[in-house]
Amino acid sequence: ARVNAFFFVQSLCAVSIGGASFYFFTDDEEAYPEGPHFSTMFYASILGLVSTAFSMVGVVAYTHLMKAWKYRKVLLVGNIAFSAVNM
């Protein structure tokens, strides 16, 4: 029950900026001149594939490097890495 409560509280504390980042990455030069100006197709397909590839890298890293770790350490390192990547 404590693990479920932890994941519930963790999901409550997560800030989702998916919609804002979509518009940031896909706005044209008129809307945001300094933006990256990705096409919607690129943002939806290529970035999704890259995200999936890095998820697979995470699974392989867990399988080979963290197999003997306790769950507490895996969650701690994972949350720190997630926070650092999302800054």
N, C-alpha and C. Protein backbone atom coordinates (compact mmCIF):
# COMPACT_ATOMS: atom_id res chain seq x y z
N ALA A 1 0.82 -1.18 0.00
CA ALA A 1 0.00 0.00 0.00
C ALA A 1 0.88 1.26 0.00
N ARG A 2 2.01 1.20 0.68
CA ARG A 2 2.87 2.38 0.72
C ARG A 2 3.48 2.69 -0.66
N VAL A 3 3.78 1.64 -1.41
CA VAL A 3 4.33 1.86 -2.75
C VAL A 3 3.30 2.52 -3.65
N ASN A 4 2.06 2.06 -3.57
CA ASN A 4 0.99 2.68 -4.35
C ASN A 4 0.80 4.14 -3.94
N ALA A 5 0.85 4.41 -2.66
CA ALA A 5 0.71 5.79 -2.18
C ALA A 5 1.87 6.65 -2.68
N PHE A 6 3.07 6.08 -2.68
CA PHE A 6 4.24 6.82 -3.18
C PHE A 6 4.04 7.20 -4.64
N PHE A 7 3.66 6.22 -5.48
CA PHE A 7 3.48 6.51 -6.90
C PHE A 7 2.32 7.46 -7.14
N PHE A 8 1.29 7.39 -6.33
CA PHE A 8 0.17 8.32 -6.45
C PHE A 8 0.62 9.74 -6.14
N VAL A 9 1.33 9.92 -5.04
CA VAL A 9 1.81 11.26 -4.66
C VAL A 9 2.83 11.76 -5.69
N GLN A 10 3.67 10.87 -6.19
CA GLN A 10 4.65 11.26 -7.20
C GLN A 10 3.96 11.74 -8.47
N SER A 11 2.89 11.07 -8.88
CA SER A 11 2.19 11.52 -10.08
C SER A 11 1.45 12.83 -9.85
N LEU A 12 1.02 13.08 -8.62
CA LEU A 12 0.39 14.36 -8.31
C LEU A 12 1.38 15.52 -8.39
N CYS A 13 2.63 15.25 -8.03
CA CYS A 13 3.65 16.30 -8.01
C CYS A 13 4.27 16.56 -9.38
N ALA A 14 3.99 15.71 -10.35
CA ALA A 14 4.58 15.88 -11.69
C ALA A 14 3.87 17.00 -12.43
N VAL A 15 4.65 17.85 -13.04
CA VAL A 15 4.11 18.94 -13.83
C VAL A 15 4.18 18.53 -15.30
N SER A 16 3.06 18.58 -15.97
CA SER A 16 3.00 18.19 -17.38
C SER A 16 3.02 19.43 -18.26
N ILE A 17 3.99 19.48 -19.15
CA ILE A 17 4.09 20.61 -20.07
C ILE A 17 4.03 20.14 -21.51
N GLY A 18 3.40 19.00 -21.75
CA GLY A 18 3.34 18.42 -23.08
C GLY A 18 2.71 19.32 -24.11
N GLY A 19 1.58 19.94 -23.80
CA GLY A 19 0.91 20.83 -24.74
C GLY A 19 1.73 22.06 -25.04
N ALA A 20 2.31 22.65 -24.01
CA ALA A 20 3.12 23.85 -24.20
C ALA A 20 4.38 23.54 -25.01
N SER A 21 5.00 22.40 -24.74
CA SER A 21 6.20 22.07 -25.50
C SER A 21 5.88 21.75 -26.96
N PHE A 22 4.70 21.17 -27.22
CA PHE A 22 4.30 20.93 -28.62
C PHE A 22 4.25 22.26 -29.38
N TYR A 23 3.60 23.26 -28.81
CA TYR A 23 3.50 24.55 -29.50
C TYR A 23 4.84 25.25 -29.59
N PHE A 24 5.69 25.10 -28.55
CA PHE A 24 7.02 25.70 -28.60
C PHE A 24 7.83 25.12 -29.75
N PHE A 25 7.81 23.80 -29.89
CA PHE A 25 8.62 23.15 -30.91
C PHE A 25 8.06 23.30 -32.32
N THR A 26 6.74 23.48 -32.46
CA THR A 26 6.14 23.49 -33.80
C THR A 26 5.66 24.87 -34.26
N ASP A 27 5.78 25.90 -33.45
CA ASP A 27 5.37 27.24 -33.89
C ASP A 27 6.22 27.70 -35.08
N ASP A 28 5.59 28.45 -35.96
CA ASP A 28 6.33 28.95 -37.12
C ASP A 28 7.11 30.21 -36.74
N GLU A 29 7.84 30.74 -37.70
CA GLU A 29 8.71 31.89 -37.43
C GLU A 29 7.91 33.13 -37.06
N GLU A 30 6.71 33.24 -37.55
CA GLU A 30 5.88 34.40 -37.21
C GLU A 30 5.46 34.38 -35.75
N ALA A 31 5.11 33.22 -35.25
CA ALA A 31 4.64 33.10 -33.87
C ALA A 31 5.79 33.18 -32.87
N TYR A 32 6.92 32.53 -33.19
CA TYR A 32 8.07 32.54 -32.28
C TYR A 32 9.34 32.49 -33.12
N PRO A 33 9.95 33.64 -33.42
CA PRO A 33 11.10 33.68 -34.33
C PRO A 33 12.31 32.88 -33.88
N GLU A 34 12.51 32.71 -32.58
CA GLU A 34 13.71 32.04 -32.09
C GLU A 34 13.50 30.55 -31.84
N GLY A 35 12.32 30.03 -32.12
CA GLY A 35 12.02 28.64 -31.84
C GLY A 35 12.65 27.67 -32.83
N PRO A 36 12.58 26.37 -32.54
CA PRO A 36 13.20 25.38 -33.42
C PRO A 36 12.42 25.11 -34.71
N HIS A 37 11.12 25.44 -34.75
CA HIS A 37 10.28 25.33 -35.95
C HIS A 37 10.25 23.92 -36.55
N PHE A 38 10.07 22.89 -35.70
CA PHE A 38 9.93 21.53 -36.20
C PHE A 38 8.57 21.38 -36.87
N SER A 39 8.49 20.49 -37.85
CA SER A 39 7.20 20.18 -38.44
C SER A 39 6.42 19.29 -37.48
N THR A 40 5.11 19.31 -37.62
CA THR A 40 4.27 18.47 -36.75
C THR A 40 4.60 17.00 -36.97
N MET A 41 4.84 16.62 -38.21
CA MET A 41 5.19 15.23 -38.53
C MET A 41 6.48 14.82 -37.83
N PHE A 42 7.50 15.69 -37.89
CA PHE A 42 8.77 15.38 -37.23
C PHE A 42 8.57 15.26 -35.73
N TYR A 43 7.86 16.21 -35.14
CA TYR A 43 7.66 16.21 -33.68
C TYR A 43 6.92 14.96 -33.23
N ALA A 44 5.90 14.56 -33.98
CA ALA A 44 5.08 13.42 -33.57
C ALA A 44 5.75 12.08 -33.85
N SER A 45 6.52 11.98 -34.91
CA SER A 45 7.06 10.67 -35.28
C SER A 45 8.51 10.49 -34.83
N ILE A 46 9.40 11.35 -35.27
CA ILE A 46 10.82 11.16 -34.98
C ILE A 46 11.12 11.31 -33.50
N LEU A 47 10.58 12.34 -32.87
CA LEU A 47 10.85 12.51 -31.44
C LEU A 47 10.22 11.38 -30.62
N GLY A 48 9.09 10.84 -31.08
CA GLY A 48 8.50 9.68 -30.43
C GLY A 48 9.38 8.45 -30.54
N LEU A 49 9.98 8.26 -31.70
CA LEU A 49 10.89 7.12 -31.88
C LEU A 49 12.15 7.27 -31.02
N VAL A 50 12.67 8.48 -30.95
CA VAL A 50 13.84 8.72 -30.10
C VAL A 50 13.51 8.46 -28.64
N SER A 51 12.34 8.89 -28.21
CA SER A 51 11.90 8.65 -26.84
C SER A 51 11.77 7.16 -26.55
N THR A 52 11.22 6.42 -27.49
CA THR A 52 11.09 4.97 -27.33
C THR A 52 12.46 4.30 -27.29
N ALA A 53 13.38 4.76 -28.12
CA ALA A 53 14.73 4.18 -28.13
C ALA A 53 15.42 4.40 -26.78
N PHE A 54 15.27 5.59 -26.22
CA PHE A 54 15.89 5.84 -24.92
C PHE A 54 15.20 5.06 -23.81
N SER A 55 13.92 4.79 -23.96
CA SER A 55 13.25 3.92 -23.00
C SER A 55 13.85 2.51 -23.03
N MET A 56 14.14 2.04 -24.23
CA MET A 56 14.78 0.72 -24.36
C MET A 56 16.19 0.74 -23.76
N VAL A 57 16.91 1.84 -23.93
CA VAL A 57 18.23 1.97 -23.31
C VAL A 57 18.08 1.88 -21.79
N GLY A 58 17.03 2.49 -21.25
CA GLY A 58 16.79 2.40 -19.81
C GLY A 58 16.49 0.99 -19.35
N VAL A 59 15.73 0.25 -20.13
CA VAL A 59 15.43 -1.15 -19.78
C VAL A 59 16.70 -1.98 -19.79
N VAL A 60 17.53 -1.80 -20.82
CA VAL A 60 18.79 -2.54 -20.90
C VAL A 60 19.72 -2.15 -19.76
N ALA A 61 19.79 -0.87 -19.45
CA ALA A 61 20.64 -0.41 -18.34
C ALA A 61 20.18 -1.02 -17.02
N TYR A 62 18.88 -1.07 -16.82
CA TYR A 62 18.36 -1.69 -15.59
C TYR A 62 18.72 -3.17 -15.55
N THR A 63 18.54 -3.85 -16.66
CA THR A 63 18.79 -5.29 -16.70
C THR A 63 20.25 -5.62 -16.43
N HIS A 64 21.17 -4.82 -16.99
CA HIS A 64 22.59 -5.14 -16.85
C HIS A 64 23.27 -4.47 -15.67
N LEU A 65 22.85 -3.27 -15.32
CA LEU A 65 23.59 -2.50 -14.32
C LEU A 65 22.92 -2.45 -12.94
N MET A 66 21.60 -2.53 -12.90
CA MET A 66 20.91 -2.31 -11.63
C MET A 66 20.18 -3.54 -11.11
N LYS A 67 20.50 -4.69 -11.64
CA LYS A 67 19.79 -5.91 -11.26
C LYS A 67 19.90 -6.20 -9.76
N ALA A 68 21.03 -5.91 -9.16
CA ALA A 68 21.24 -6.22 -7.75
C ALA A 68 20.85 -5.07 -6.82
N TRP A 69 20.43 -3.94 -7.37
CA TRP A 69 20.06 -2.80 -6.55
C TRP A 69 18.74 -3.05 -5.84
N LYS A 70 18.58 -2.41 -4.70
CA LYS A 70 17.29 -2.44 -4.01
C LYS A 70 16.36 -1.43 -4.70
N TYR A 71 15.05 -1.67 -4.58
CA TYR A 71 14.08 -0.81 -5.25
C TYR A 71 14.19 0.64 -4.80
N ARG A 72 14.52 0.86 -3.56
CA ARG A 72 14.63 2.23 -3.05
C ARG A 72 15.71 3.00 -3.81
N LYS A 73 16.85 2.35 -4.05
CA LYS A 73 17.94 3.01 -4.76
C LYS A 73 17.57 3.23 -6.23
N VAL A 74 16.90 2.26 -6.85
CA VAL A 74 16.47 2.42 -8.24
C VAL A 74 15.51 3.60 -8.37
N LEU A 75 14.54 3.69 -7.46
CA LEU A 75 13.59 4.80 -7.50
C LEU A 75 14.27 6.14 -7.25
N LEU A 76 15.20 6.18 -6.32
CA LEU A 76 15.92 7.42 -6.03
C LEU A 76 16.73 7.88 -7.23
N VAL A 77 17.53 6.99 -7.80
CA VAL A 77 18.35 7.35 -8.95
C VAL A 77 17.46 7.70 -10.14
N GLY A 78 16.40 6.94 -10.34
CA GLY A 78 15.49 7.21 -11.45
C GLY A 78 14.81 8.56 -11.33
N ASN A 79 14.35 8.90 -10.12
CA ASN A 79 13.70 10.20 -9.92
C ASN A 79 14.68 11.35 -10.08
N ILE A 80 15.90 11.18 -9.61
CA ILE A 80 16.90 12.24 -9.77
C ILE A 80 17.23 12.43 -11.24
N ALA A 81 17.41 11.32 -11.98
CA ALA A 81 17.71 11.41 -13.40
C ALA A 81 16.53 12.04 -14.16
N PHE A 82 15.32 11.65 -13.83
CA PHE A 82 14.13 12.20 -14.48
C PHE A 82 14.03 13.70 -14.25
N SER A 83 14.30 14.11 -13.01
CA SER A 83 14.26 15.54 -12.68
C SER A 83 15.34 16.31 -13.43
N ALA A 84 16.53 15.74 -13.51
CA ALA A 84 17.63 16.42 -14.18
C ALA A 84 17.36 16.55 -15.68
N VAL A 85 16.81 15.52 -16.29
CA VAL A 85 16.55 15.56 -17.73
C VAL A 85 15.43 16.53 -18.07
N ASN A 86 14.46 16.68 -17.19
CA ASN A 86 13.32 17.54 -17.47
C ASN A 86 13.53 19.00 -17.09
N MET A 87 14.72 19.39 -16.72
CA MET A 87 14.97 20.80 -16.38
C MET A 87 15.29 21.59 -17.61
